[in-house]
Amino acid sequence: MNWFTNLRPKLGIWSKKEAPDNLWHSCSNCGQMIFYKEFAAALNVCGECGFHDRIRAVARYDSLFGEGSYEIIPMPQIVDDPLKFRDQKRYGDRLRDARAKTGVEDAFSAVTGDLGGLKVVVGVQDFAFMAGSMGIAVGDGFITAATYALEHKRPFIVFTAAGGARMQEGILSLMQMPRTTVAINRLRDAGIPYIVVLTDPTTGGVTASYAMLGDVHLAEPGALIGFAGPRVIQNTIREKLPEGFQRAEYLRDHGMVDQVVPRRELKDRLILILSLITNTRDGVPKERIKRLEPPRPDEAEEEPGLEERDALVEGDGDPNREEAETSEEAS
């Protein structure tokens, strides 16, 4: 095979080791092979069946603000393994492996940036990091982002994705549920909008706390949303579950989700919702816009002149006042 080995570089044939491994993506729903660059450009949505695959936090931020057009909010440093937990593997080793694999410190991150002319704070749970599980780092990250939004009076938007609480941290992971709830109550007391976007999957303690406490709840198509998984529920109650149970569309039809919005439309929908909640347009209060806008021609013509305005002030030109004076004289 020496002749083929010598000829291969001229033919441009790759060996298995040299071949890129990310040229194509197979859709998890329909199996369609998609050119990876096209898949990434479509925000990880299959063009064949519309399946919304999971997306990393950085891609989410770039889709909302534009690449690099946002400021990262530093997350607090925490003790990695407070319980020195070990099952088949040390928890500290699991954290190191997850960080090496994903390139992030933990499952929750947050940024601040301009969305439709309005400064907002956006937090994202990255399912790629230990299934987005909620531990001390996620709880502290959420509270840090919420506090930043409170101090700077900026709406807070959270994209949830989690398999539940991080049980390697025991009761400390479960305590993040009341802690994050208190942070949300502080936002509500200050009148700061809190919007939740539920993505696939959002389950466990996250669903039982900050994922379902928003002023507005949006969800991506087909997202699994619930406390326990459908298989656990079905085995517990020993009954067949309805079609599409715990999916975003089912929850919308039963009043637990306000809207199901495709990923491509999320940015515009969030801008619209924020403009309605904050009574702004392009980040400027509508009352101020009305004052700054020049009067329309028809309004200018109808506006009374100086003499007419003086007469109105003195009461001479007010027919209601004349009627009132006449009735007083008659009585």
C-alpha atoms as a PDB file:
ATOM      1  CA  MET A   1       0.000   0.000   0.000  1.00  0.00           C
ATOM      2  CA  ASN A   2       3.022   2.286  -0.181  1.00  0.00           C
ATOM      3  CA  TRP A   3       1.917   3.613  -3.564  1.00  0.00           C
ATOM      4  CA  PHE A   4      -1.504   4.623  -2.112  1.00  0.00           C
ATOM      5  CA  THR A   5       0.076   6.190   0.987  1.00  0.00           C
ATOM      6  CA  ASN A   6       2.291   8.304  -1.235  1.00  0.00           C
ATOM      7  CA  LEU A   7      -0.589   9.217  -3.546  1.00  0.00           C
ATOM      8  CA  ARG A   8      -3.138  10.095  -0.829  1.00  0.00           C
ATOM      9  CA  PRO A   9      -1.854  13.641  -0.107  1.00  0.00           C
ATOM     10  CA  LYS A  10      -2.086  14.471  -3.811  1.00  0.00           C
ATOM     11  CA  LEU A  11      -5.669  13.194  -3.993  1.00  0.00           C
ATOM     12  CA  GLY A  12      -6.658  15.154  -0.889  1.00  0.00           C
ATOM     13  CA  ILE A  13      -8.011  12.064   0.912  1.00  0.00           C
ATOM     14  CA  TRP A  14      -8.269  12.342   4.699  1.00  0.00           C
ATOM     15  CA  SER A  15      -7.571   9.544   7.086  1.00  0.00           C
ATOM     16  CA  LYS A  16     -10.242   8.882   9.741  1.00  0.00           C
ATOM     17  CA  LYS A  17      -8.093  10.669  12.310  1.00  0.00           C
ATOM     18  CA  GLU A  18      -7.616  13.715  10.083  1.00  0.00           C
ATOM     19  CA  ALA A  19     -11.267  14.060   8.986  1.00  0.00           C
ATOM     20  CA  PRO A  20     -13.257  16.826  10.731  1.00  0.00           C
ATOM     21  CA  ASP A  21     -15.834  15.373  13.101  1.00  0.00           C
ATOM     22  CA  ASN A  22     -18.264  18.300  13.099  1.00  0.00           C
ATOM     23  CA  LEU A  23     -19.191  18.710   9.444  1.00  0.00           C
ATOM     24  CA  TRP A  24     -22.652  17.196   9.855  1.00  0.00           C
ATOM     25  CA  HIS A  25     -25.301  17.063  12.546  1.00  0.00           C
ATOM     26  CA  SER A  26     -27.968  14.379  12.787  1.00  0.00           C
ATOM     27  CA  CYS A  27     -31.330  15.718  14.011  1.00  0.00           C
ATOM     28  CA  SER A  28     -32.272  14.078  17.303  1.00  0.00           C
ATOM     29  CA  ASN A  29     -35.931  14.007  16.268  1.00  0.00           C
ATOM     30  CA  CYS A  30     -36.119  13.056  12.570  1.00  0.00           C
ATOM     31  CA  GLY A  31     -32.548  11.895  11.905  1.00  0.00           C
ATOM     32  CA  GLN A  32     -32.043  14.368   9.051  1.00  0.00           C
ATOM     33  CA  MET A  33     -28.383  15.082   8.320  1.00  0.00           C
ATOM     34  CA  ILE A  34     -27.724  18.831   8.446  1.00  0.00           C
ATOM     35  CA  PHE A  35     -24.544  20.647   7.472  1.00  0.00           C
ATOM     36  CA  TYR A  36     -23.241  21.827  10.837  1.00  0.00           C
ATOM     37  CA  LYS A  37     -22.671  25.447   9.791  1.00  0.00           C
ATOM     38  CA  GLU A  38     -26.270  25.648   8.582  1.00  0.00           C
ATOM     39  CA  PHE A  39     -27.473  24.044  11.822  1.00  0.00           C
ATOM     40  CA  ALA A  40     -25.550  26.585  13.918  1.00  0.00           C
ATOM     41  CA  ALA A  41     -26.811  29.460  11.754  1.00  0.00           C
ATOM     42  CA  ALA A  42     -30.375  28.229  12.372  1.00  0.00           C
ATOM     43  CA  LEU A  43     -29.740  28.400  16.163  1.00  0.00           C
ATOM     44  CA  ASN A  44     -29.750  24.590  16.458  1.00  0.00           C
ATOM     45  CA  VAL A  45     -33.233  24.231  14.948  1.00  0.00           C
ATOM     46  CA  CYS A  46     -33.815  21.466  12.388  1.00  0.00           C
ATOM     47  CA  GLY A  47     -34.959  22.887   9.053  1.00  0.00           C
ATOM     48  CA  GLU A  48     -36.730  19.634   8.199  1.00  0.00           C
ATOM     49  CA  CYS A  49     -38.968  19.020  11.243  1.00  0.00           C
ATOM     50  CA  GLY A  50     -38.509  22.206  13.303  1.00  0.00           C
ATOM     51  CA  PHE A  51     -37.054  20.343  16.293  1.00  0.00           C
ATOM     52  CA  HIS A  52     -35.397  22.718  18.766  1.00  0.00           C
ATOM     53  CA  ASP A  53     -32.152  21.123  19.891  1.00  0.00           C
ATOM     54  CA  ARG A  54     -30.297  22.349  22.954  1.00  0.00           C
ATOM     55  CA  ILE A  55     -28.125  25.427  22.563  1.00  0.00           C
ATOM     56  CA  ARG A  56     -25.125  26.677  24.541  1.00  0.00           C
ATOM     57  CA  ALA A  57     -25.224  29.850  26.616  1.00  0.00           C
ATOM     58  CA  VAL A  58     -22.827  31.868  24.420  1.00  0.00           C
ATOM     59  CA  ALA A  59     -24.884  31.114  21.303  1.00  0.00           C
ATOM     60  CA  ARG A  60     -27.976  32.217  23.197  1.00  0.00           C
ATOM     61  CA  TYR A  61     -26.396  35.537  24.173  1.00  0.00           C
ATOM     62  CA  ASP A  62     -25.138  36.135  20.636  1.00  0.00           C
ATOM     63  CA  SER A  63     -28.616  35.525  19.199  1.00  0.00           C
ATOM     64  CA  LEU A  64     -30.133  38.125  21.540  1.00  0.00           C
ATOM     65  CA  PHE A  65     -27.509  40.867  21.582  1.00  0.00           C
ATOM     66  CA  GLY A  66     -25.176  40.193  18.672  1.00  0.00           C
ATOM     67  CA  GLU A  67     -21.774  38.580  18.933  1.00  0.00           C
ATOM     68  CA  GLY A  68     -19.852  40.062  21.864  1.00  0.00           C
ATOM     69  CA  SER A  69     -22.293  42.973  22.286  1.00  0.00           C
ATOM     70  CA  TYR A  70     -22.908  42.383  25.977  1.00  0.00           C
ATOM     71  CA  GLU A  71     -21.152  42.590  29.324  1.00  0.00           C
ATOM     72  CA  ILE A  72     -20.534  39.446  31.369  1.00  0.00           C
ATOM     73  CA  ILE A  73     -21.667  39.624  34.998  1.00  0.00           C
ATOM     74  CA  PRO A  74     -19.001  37.946  37.181  1.00  0.00           C
ATOM     75  CA  MET A  75     -20.233  34.961  39.133  1.00  0.00           C
ATOM     76  CA  PRO A  76     -19.239  34.528  42.804  1.00  0.00           C
ATOM     77  CA  GLN A  77     -16.608  32.009  43.839  1.00  0.00           C
ATOM     78  CA  ILE A  78     -17.955  29.135  45.919  1.00  0.00           C
ATOM     79  CA  VAL A  79     -16.661  26.015  47.669  1.00  0.00           C
ATOM     80  CA  ASP A  80     -16.682  23.286  45.030  1.00  0.00           C
ATOM     81  CA  ASP A  81     -17.332  20.189  47.139  1.00  0.00           C
ATOM     82  CA  PRO A  82     -18.708  21.228  50.553  1.00  0.00           C
ATOM     83  CA  LEU A  83     -19.827  17.702  51.514  1.00  0.00           C
ATOM     84  CA  LYS A  84     -16.770  15.867  50.118  1.00  0.00           C
ATOM     85  CA  PHE A  85     -19.260  13.683  48.267  1.00  0.00           C
ATOM     86  CA  ARG A  86     -18.282  10.525  46.449  1.00  0.00           C
ATOM     87  CA  ASP A  87     -20.293   7.869  44.605  1.00  0.00           C
ATOM     88  CA  GLN A  88     -18.631   5.991  41.750  1.00  0.00           C
ATOM     89  CA  LYS A  89     -16.482   9.079  41.320  1.00  0.00           C
ATOM     90  CA  ARG A  90     -15.486  12.026  43.479  1.00  0.00           C
ATOM     91  CA  TYR A  91     -17.737  15.053  43.010  1.00  0.00           C
ATOM     92  CA  GLY A  92     -14.683  17.299  42.685  1.00  0.00           C
ATOM     93  CA  ASP A  93     -13.465  15.154  39.789  1.00  0.00           C
ATOM     94  CA  ARG A  94     -16.866  15.364  38.121  1.00  0.00           C
ATOM     95  CA  LEU A  95     -16.733  19.164  38.323  1.00  0.00           C
ATOM     96  CA  ARG A  96     -13.243  19.259  36.801  1.00  0.00           C
ATOM     97  CA  ASP A  97     -14.324  16.979  33.956  1.00  0.00           C
ATOM     98  CA  ALA A  98     -17.436  19.068  33.272  1.00  0.00           C
ATOM     99  CA  ARG A  99     -15.399  22.288  33.196  1.00  0.00           C
ATOM    100  CA  ALA A 100     -12.856  20.783  30.828  1.00  0.00           C
ATOM    101  CA  LYS A 101     -15.602  19.490  28.546  1.00  0.00           C
ATOM    102  CA  THR A 102     -17.795  22.613  28.441  1.00  0.00           C
ATOM    103  CA  GLY A 103     -15.315  25.443  28.993  1.00  0.00           C
ATOM    104  CA  VAL A 104     -17.504  27.086  31.663  1.00  0.00           C
ATOM    105  CA  GLU A 105     -17.246  27.188  35.455  1.00  0.00           C
ATOM    106  CA  ASP A 106     -20.776  26.007  36.191  1.00  0.00           C
ATOM    107  CA  ALA A 107     -24.276  25.691  34.757  1.00  0.00           C
ATOM    108  CA  PHE A 108     -25.477  29.296  35.301  1.00  0.00           C
ATOM    109  CA  SER A 109     -24.104  32.456  33.729  1.00  0.00           C
ATOM    110  CA  ALA A 110     -25.466  35.962  33.223  1.00  0.00           C
ATOM    111  CA  VAL A 111     -24.818  39.027  31.076  1.00  0.00           C
ATOM    112  CA  THR A 112     -26.252  42.497  30.652  1.00  0.00           C
ATOM    113  CA  GLY A 113     -26.825  44.256  27.372  1.00  0.00           C
ATOM    114  CA  ASP A 114     -29.128  46.301  25.156  1.00  0.00           C
ATOM    115  CA  LEU A 115     -32.284  44.550  23.937  1.00  0.00           C
ATOM    116  CA  GLY A 116     -34.446  46.699  21.699  1.00  0.00           C
ATOM    117  CA  GLY A 117     -33.068  49.891  23.219  1.00  0.00           C
ATOM    118  CA  LEU A 118     -33.677  48.696  26.776  1.00  0.00           C
ATOM    119  CA  LYS A 119     -30.922  47.586  29.151  1.00  0.00           C
ATOM    120  CA  VAL A 120     -31.666  44.095  30.477  1.00  0.00           C
ATOM    121  CA  VAL A 121     -30.037  41.302  32.465  1.00  0.00           C
ATOM    122  CA  VAL A 122     -30.150  37.795  30.950  1.00  0.00           C
ATOM    123  CA  GLY A 123     -29.280  34.577  32.762  1.00  0.00           C
ATOM    124  CA  VAL A 124     -28.894  31.196  31.040  1.00  0.00           C
ATOM    125  CA  GLN A 125     -28.671  27.668  32.410  1.00  0.00           C
ATOM    126  CA  ASP A 126     -26.346  25.551  30.272  1.00  0.00           C
ATOM    127  CA  PHE A 127     -27.642  21.967  30.131  1.00  0.00           C
ATOM    128  CA  ALA A 128     -24.248  20.815  28.841  1.00  0.00           C
ATOM    129  CA  PHE A 129     -22.769  21.352  32.330  1.00  0.00           C
ATOM    130  CA  MET A 130     -23.922  18.408  34.454  1.00  0.00           C
ATOM    131  CA  ALA A 131     -27.420  18.551  32.936  1.00  0.00           C
ATOM    132  CA  GLY A 132     -27.883  22.133  34.141  1.00  0.00           C
ATOM    133  CA  SER A 133     -28.397  20.806  37.661  1.00  0.00           C
ATOM    134  CA  MET A 134     -29.072  23.328  40.412  1.00  0.00           C
ATOM    135  CA  GLY A 135     -26.428  23.530  43.103  1.00  0.00           C
ATOM    136  CA  ILE A 136     -24.895  26.292  45.191  1.00  0.00           C
ATOM    137  CA  ALA A 137     -23.161  27.820  42.162  1.00  0.00           C
ATOM    138  CA  VAL A 138     -26.427  28.035  40.212  1.00  0.00           C
ATOM    139  CA  GLY A 139     -28.281  29.511  43.189  1.00  0.00           C
ATOM    140  CA  ASP A 140     -25.567  32.079  43.885  1.00  0.00           C
ATOM    141  CA  GLY A 141     -25.342  32.914  40.183  1.00  0.00           C
ATOM    142  CA  PHE A 142     -29.088  33.497  39.944  1.00  0.00           C
ATOM    143  CA  ILE A 143     -29.095  35.706  43.050  1.00  0.00           C
ATOM    144  CA  THR A 144     -26.078  37.671  41.782  1.00  0.00           C
ATOM    145  CA  ALA A 145     -27.816  38.361  38.454  1.00  0.00           C
ATOM    146  CA  ALA A 146     -31.109  39.242  40.175  1.00  0.00           C
ATOM    147  CA  THR A 147     -29.307  41.621  42.552  1.00  0.00           C
ATOM    148  CA  TYR A 148     -27.560  43.289  39.600  1.00  0.00           C
ATOM    149  CA  ALA A 149     -30.937  43.748  37.892  1.00  0.00           C
ATOM    150  CA  LEU A 150     -32.398  45.183  41.097  1.00  0.00           C
ATOM    151  CA  GLU A 151     -29.547  47.636  41.706  1.00  0.00           C
ATOM    152  CA  HIS A 152     -29.501  48.856  38.095  1.00  0.00           C
ATOM    153  CA  LYS A 153     -33.314  48.693  37.695  1.00  0.00           C
ATOM    154  CA  ARG A 154     -33.147  46.459  34.634  1.00  0.00           C
ATOM    155  CA  PRO A 155     -35.608  43.720  33.589  1.00  0.00           C
ATOM    156  CA  PHE A 156     -34.384  40.200  34.373  1.00  0.00           C
ATOM    157  CA  ILE A 157     -34.786  37.414  31.781  1.00  0.00           C
ATOM    158  CA  VAL A 158     -33.879  33.805  32.595  1.00  0.00           C
ATOM    159  CA  PHE A 159     -33.568  30.851  30.193  1.00  0.00           C
ATOM    160  CA  THR A 160     -34.045  27.663  32.217  1.00  0.00           C
ATOM    161  CA  ALA A 161     -32.746  24.185  31.358  1.00  0.00           C
ATOM    162  CA  ALA A 162     -32.155  21.668  34.117  1.00  0.00           C
ATOM    163  CA  GLY A 163     -32.474  18.046  35.075  1.00  0.00           C
ATOM    164  CA  GLY A 164     -33.193  19.024  38.679  1.00  0.00           C
ATOM    165  CA  ALA A 165     -31.193  19.636  41.852  1.00  0.00           C
ATOM    166  CA  ARG A 166     -27.527  18.597  42.094  1.00  0.00           C
ATOM    167  CA  MET A 167     -27.821  15.860  44.670  1.00  0.00           C
ATOM    168  CA  GLN A 168     -24.046  15.646  45.237  1.00  0.00           C
ATOM    169  CA  GLU A 169     -24.605  18.784  47.335  1.00  0.00           C
ATOM    170  CA  GLY A 170     -27.491  17.296  49.322  1.00  0.00           C
ATOM    171  CA  ILE A 171     -29.670  19.706  51.299  1.00  0.00           C
ATOM    172  CA  LEU A 172     -27.476  22.623  50.174  1.00  0.00           C
ATOM    173  CA  SER A 173     -28.762  22.194  46.609  1.00  0.00           C
ATOM    174  CA  LEU A 174     -32.392  22.103  47.788  1.00  0.00           C
ATOM    175  CA  MET A 175     -31.879  25.315  49.785  1.00  0.00           C
ATOM    176  CA  GLN A 176     -31.382  27.165  46.502  1.00  0.00           C
ATOM    177  CA  MET A 177     -35.140  26.934  45.905  1.00  0.00           C
ATOM    178  CA  PRO A 178     -36.159  29.301  48.751  1.00  0.00           C
ATOM    179  CA  ARG A 179     -33.073  31.487  48.217  1.00  0.00           C
ATOM    180  CA  THR A 180     -33.920  32.194  44.579  1.00  0.00           C
ATOM    181  CA  THR A 181     -37.583  32.706  45.492  1.00  0.00           C
ATOM    182  CA  VAL A 182     -36.598  35.456  47.943  1.00  0.00           C
ATOM    183  CA  ALA A 183     -34.545  37.144  45.187  1.00  0.00           C
ATOM    184  CA  ILE A 184     -37.574  37.093  42.875  1.00  0.00           C
ATOM    185  CA  ASN A 185     -39.777  38.618  45.596  1.00  0.00           C
ATOM    186  CA  ARG A 186     -37.287  41.477  45.937  1.00  0.00           C
ATOM    187  CA  LEU A 187     -37.566  42.130  42.206  1.00  0.00           C
ATOM    188  CA  ARG A 188     -41.349  42.051  42.384  1.00  0.00           C
ATOM    189  CA  ASP A 189     -41.445  44.454  45.326  1.00  0.00           C
ATOM    190  CA  ALA A 190     -39.262  46.881  43.353  1.00  0.00           C
ATOM    191  CA  GLY A 191     -41.435  46.576  40.228  1.00  0.00           C
ATOM    192  CA  ILE A 192     -38.630  44.997  38.152  1.00  0.00           C
ATOM    193  CA  PRO A 193     -40.002  42.730  35.370  1.00  0.00           C
ATOM    194  CA  TYR A 194     -38.971  39.072  35.622  1.00  0.00           C
ATOM    195  CA  ILE A 195     -39.483  36.957  32.479  1.00  0.00           C
ATOM    196  CA  VAL A 196     -38.818  33.207  32.211  1.00  0.00           C
ATOM    197  CA  VAL A 197     -38.126  31.338  28.969  1.00  0.00           C
ATOM    198  CA  LEU A 198     -38.558  27.594  29.544  1.00  0.00           C
ATOM    199  CA  THR A 199     -36.331  25.437  27.336  1.00  0.00           C
ATOM    200  CA  ASP A 200     -35.876  21.684  26.997  1.00  0.00           C
ATOM    201  CA  PRO A 201     -35.778  20.246  29.597  1.00  0.00           C
ATOM    202  CA  THR A 202     -36.832  22.221  32.655  1.00  0.00           C
ATOM    203  CA  THR A 203     -37.537  19.811  35.508  1.00  0.00           C
ATOM    204  CA  GLY A 204     -37.108  19.133  39.213  1.00  0.00           C
ATOM    205  CA  GLY A 205     -36.319  21.820  41.761  1.00  0.00           C
ATOM    206  CA  VAL A 206     -35.843  24.472  39.081  1.00  0.00           C
ATOM    207  CA  THR A 207     -39.454  24.022  37.964  1.00  0.00           C
ATOM    208  CA  ALA A 208     -40.540  24.044  41.612  1.00  0.00           C
ATOM    209  CA  SER A 209     -38.894  27.435  42.192  1.00  0.00           C
ATOM    210  CA  TYR A 210     -37.720  30.244  39.915  1.00  0.00           C
ATOM    211  CA  ALA A 211     -38.803  28.665  36.609  1.00  0.00           C
ATOM    212  CA  MET A 212     -42.487  29.108  37.449  1.00  0.00           C
ATOM    213  CA  LEU A 213     -42.425  32.436  39.298  1.00  0.00           C
ATOM    214  CA  GLY A 214     -42.071  34.809  36.344  1.00  0.00           C
ATOM    215  CA  ASP A 215     -44.328  37.715  35.436  1.00  0.00           C
ATOM    216  CA  VAL A 216     -44.448  36.183  31.942  1.00  0.00           C
ATOM    217  CA  HIS A 217     -43.675  32.585  30.953  1.00  0.00           C
ATOM    218  CA  LEU A 218     -42.526  31.780  27.432  1.00  0.00           C
ATOM    219  CA  ALA A 219     -41.442  28.351  26.203  1.00  0.00           C
ATOM    220  CA  GLU A 220     -39.668  26.954  23.167  1.00  0.00           C
ATOM    221  CA  PRO A 221     -41.593  24.477  20.991  1.00  0.00           C
ATOM    222  CA  GLY A 222     -41.586  20.908  22.278  1.00  0.00           C
ATOM    223  CA  ALA A 223     -39.762  21.713  25.524  1.00  0.00           C
ATOM    224  CA  LEU A 224     -40.236  19.193  28.346  1.00  0.00           C
ATOM    225  CA  ILE A 225     -41.426  21.081  31.434  1.00  0.00           C
ATOM    226  CA  GLY A 226     -42.392  19.497  34.736  1.00  0.00           C
ATOM    227  CA  PHE A 227     -41.297  18.464  38.213  1.00  0.00           C
ATOM    228  CA  ALA A 228     -40.999  14.699  37.795  1.00  0.00           C
ATOM    229  CA  GLY A 229     -40.559  13.090  34.390  1.00  0.00           C
ATOM    230  CA  PRO A 230     -43.559  11.590  32.552  1.00  0.00           C
ATOM    231  CA  ARG A 231     -42.241   8.045  32.952  1.00  0.00           C
ATOM    232  CA  VAL A 232     -42.009   8.456  36.742  1.00  0.00           C
ATOM    233  CA  ILE A 233     -45.532   9.883  36.891  1.00  0.00           C
ATOM    234  CA  GLN A 234     -46.976   7.149  34.698  1.00  0.00           C
ATOM    235  CA  ASN A 235     -45.355   4.415  36.783  1.00  0.00           C
ATOM    236  CA  THR A 236     -46.627   6.067  39.974  1.00  0.00           C
ATOM    237  CA  ILE A 237     -50.279   6.594  39.018  1.00  0.00           C
ATOM    238  CA  ARG A 238     -50.363   3.532  36.701  1.00  0.00           C
ATOM    239  CA  GLU A 239     -52.346   5.368  34.057  1.00  0.00           C
ATOM    240  CA  LYS A 240     -51.555   6.345  30.504  1.00  0.00           C
ATOM    241  CA  LEU A 241     -50.707  10.039  30.226  1.00  0.00           C
ATOM    242  CA  PRO A 242     -52.352  12.353  27.656  1.00  0.00           C
ATOM    243  CA  GLU A 243     -50.658  12.951  24.319  1.00  0.00           C
ATOM    244  CA  GLY A 244     -47.931  15.578  24.591  1.00  0.00           C
ATOM    245  CA  PHE A 245     -48.093  15.593  28.397  1.00  0.00           C
ATOM    246  CA  GLN A 246     -45.608  18.033  30.001  1.00  0.00           C
ATOM    247  CA  ARG A 247     -44.618  19.495  26.651  1.00  0.00           C
ATOM    248  CA  ALA A 248     -44.671  23.269  26.103  1.00  0.00           C
ATOM    249  CA  GLU A 249     -47.790  23.216  23.925  1.00  0.00           C
ATOM    250  CA  TYR A 250     -49.721  21.114  26.478  1.00  0.00           C
ATOM    251  CA  LEU A 251     -48.785  23.510  29.292  1.00  0.00           C
ATOM    252  CA  ARG A 252     -49.806  26.513  27.197  1.00  0.00           C
ATOM    253  CA  ASP A 253     -53.213  24.953  26.499  1.00  0.00           C
ATOM    254  CA  HIS A 254     -53.668  24.327  30.238  1.00  0.00           C
ATOM    255  CA  GLY A 255     -52.647  27.816  31.397  1.00  0.00           C
ATOM    256  CA  MET A 256     -49.160  27.205  32.791  1.00  0.00           C
ATOM    257  CA  VAL A 257     -47.290  28.868  29.915  1.00  0.00           C
ATOM    258  CA  ASP A 258     -48.297  32.160  28.305  1.00  0.00           C
ATOM    259  CA  GLN A 259     -46.821  31.621  24.832  1.00  0.00           C
ATOM    260  CA  VAL A 260     -44.812  29.050  22.883  1.00  0.00           C
ATOM    261  CA  VAL A 261     -42.339  30.968  20.745  1.00  0.00           C
ATOM    262  CA  PRO A 262     -39.920  29.563  18.124  1.00  0.00           C
ATOM    263  CA  ARG A 263     -36.287  30.344  18.867  1.00  0.00           C
ATOM    264  CA  ARG A 264     -35.943  32.584  15.805  1.00  0.00           C
ATOM    265  CA  GLU A 265     -38.769  34.810  17.058  1.00  0.00           C
ATOM    266  CA  LEU A 266     -37.741  34.993  20.718  1.00  0.00           C
ATOM    267  CA  LYS A 267     -35.739  38.201  20.481  1.00  0.00           C
ATOM    268  CA  ASP A 268     -38.537  40.183  18.811  1.00  0.00           C
ATOM    269  CA  ARG A 269     -41.146  38.714  21.143  1.00  0.00           C
ATOM    270  CA  LEU A 270     -39.125  39.647  24.226  1.00  0.00           C
ATOM    271  CA  ILE A 271     -38.653  43.192  22.934  1.00  0.00           C
ATOM    272  CA  LEU A 272     -42.416  43.488  22.359  1.00  0.00           C
ATOM    273  CA  ILE A 273     -43.288  42.147  25.817  1.00  0.00           C
ATOM    274  CA  LEU A 274     -40.748  44.392  27.544  1.00  0.00           C
ATOM    275  CA  SER A 275     -42.030  47.452  25.669  1.00  0.00           C
ATOM    276  CA  LEU A 276     -45.558  46.685  26.885  1.00  0.00           C
ATOM    277  CA  ILE A 277     -44.527  45.999  30.484  1.00  0.00           C
ATOM    278  CA  THR A 278     -42.224  49.021  30.793  1.00  0.00           C
ATOM    279  CA  ASN A 279     -44.365  51.306  28.604  1.00  0.00           C
ATOM    280  CA  THR A 280     -41.396  52.187  26.399  1.00  0.00           C
ATOM    281  CA  ARG A 281     -40.487  52.283  22.737  1.00  0.00           C
ATOM    282  CA  ASP A 282     -36.850  51.620  21.842  1.00  0.00           C
ATOM    283  CA  GLY A 283     -36.032  52.014  25.532  1.00  0.00           C
ATOM    284  CA  VAL A 284     -37.583  55.515  25.811  1.00  0.00           C
ATOM    285  CA  PRO A 285     -40.721  56.083  27.956  1.00  0.00           C
ATOM    286  CA  LYS A 286     -43.749  56.652  25.713  1.00  0.00           C
ATOM    287  CA  GLU A 287     -44.812  59.753  27.674  1.00  0.00           C
ATOM    288  CA  ARG A 288     -41.466  61.344  26.844  1.00  0.00           C
ATOM    289  CA  ILE A 289     -41.782  60.319  23.201  1.00  0.00           C
ATOM    290  CA  LYS A 290     -45.175  62.027  22.995  1.00  0.00           C
ATOM    291  CA  ARG A 291     -43.713  65.255  24.390  1.00  0.00           C
ATOM    292  CA  LEU A 292     -40.749  65.196  22.000  1.00  0.00           C
ATOM    293  CA  GLU A 293     -42.714  64.379  18.842  1.00  0.00           C
ATOM    294  CA  PRO A 294     -43.747  67.427  16.760  1.00  0.00           C
ATOM    295  CA  PRO A 295     -47.517  68.006  16.433  1.00  0.00           C
ATOM    296  CA  ARG A 296     -49.186  66.628  13.331  1.00  0.00           C
ATOM    297  CA  PRO A 297     -50.452  69.165  10.750  1.00  0.00           C
ATOM    298  CA  ASP A 298     -54.119  68.551  11.568  1.00  0.00           C
ATOM    299  CA  GLU A 299     -53.388  68.978  15.289  1.00  0.00           C
ATOM    300  CA  ALA A 300     -51.519  72.240  14.614  1.00  0.00           C
ATOM    301  CA  GLU A 301     -54.472  73.677  12.682  1.00  0.00           C
ATOM    302  CA  GLU A 302     -56.931  72.814  15.423  1.00  0.00           C
ATOM    303  CA  GLU A 303     -54.770  74.360  18.146  1.00  0.00           C
ATOM    304  CA  PRO A 304     -56.349  77.671  19.307  1.00  0.00           C
ATOM    305  CA  GLY A 305     -54.512  80.926  18.706  1.00  0.00           C
ATOM    306  CA  LEU A 306     -53.202  83.243  21.443  1.00  0.00           C
ATOM    307  CA  GLU A 307     -56.382  85.380  21.581  1.00  0.00           C
ATOM    308  CA  GLU A 308     -58.633  82.337  21.786  1.00  0.00           C
ATOM    309  CA  ARG A 309     -56.477  80.808  24.518  1.00  0.00           C
ATOM    310  CA  ASP A 310     -56.575  84.069  26.520  1.00  0.00           C
ATOM    311  CA  ALA A 311     -60.350  84.104  26.173  1.00  0.00           C
ATOM    312  CA  LEU A 312     -60.560  80.520  27.394  1.00  0.00           C
ATOM    313  CA  VAL A 313     -58.386  81.340  30.394  1.00  0.00           C
ATOM    314  CA  GLU A 314     -60.592  84.341  31.264  1.00  0.00           C
ATOM    315  CA  GLY A 315     -63.715  82.232  30.760  1.00  0.00           C
ATOM    316  CA  ASP A 316     -65.186  84.364  27.950  1.00  0.00           C
ATOM    317  CA  GLY A 317     -65.051  81.600  25.372  1.00  0.00           C
ATOM    318  CA  ASP A 318     -66.187  78.703  27.537  1.00  0.00           C
ATOM    319  CA  PRO A 319     -69.811  77.808  26.639  1.00  0.00           C
ATOM    320  CA  ASN A 320     -70.100  75.535  29.666  1.00  0.00           C
ATOM    321  CA  ARG A 321     -69.216  78.409  31.943  1.00  0.00           C
ATOM    322  CA  GLU A 322     -71.848  80.681  30.266  1.00  0.00           C
ATOM    323  CA  GLU A 323     -74.512  78.001  30.786  1.00  0.00           C
ATOM    324  CA  ALA A 324     -73.499  77.637  34.415  1.00  0.00           C
ATOM    325  CA  GLU A 325     -73.723  81.422  34.994  1.00  0.00           C
ATOM    326  CA  THR A 326     -77.135  81.587  33.288  1.00  0.00           C
ATOM    327  CA  SER A 327     -78.519  78.773  35.435  1.00  0.00           C
ATOM    328  CA  GLU A 328     -77.217  80.488  38.605  1.00  0.00           C
ATOM    329  CA  GLU A 329     -78.977  83.763  37.651  1.00  0.00           C
ATOM    330  CA  ALA A 330     -82.211  81.917  36.910  1.00  0.00           C
ATOM    331  CA  SER A 331     -82.133  80.237  40.298  1.00  0.00           C
END
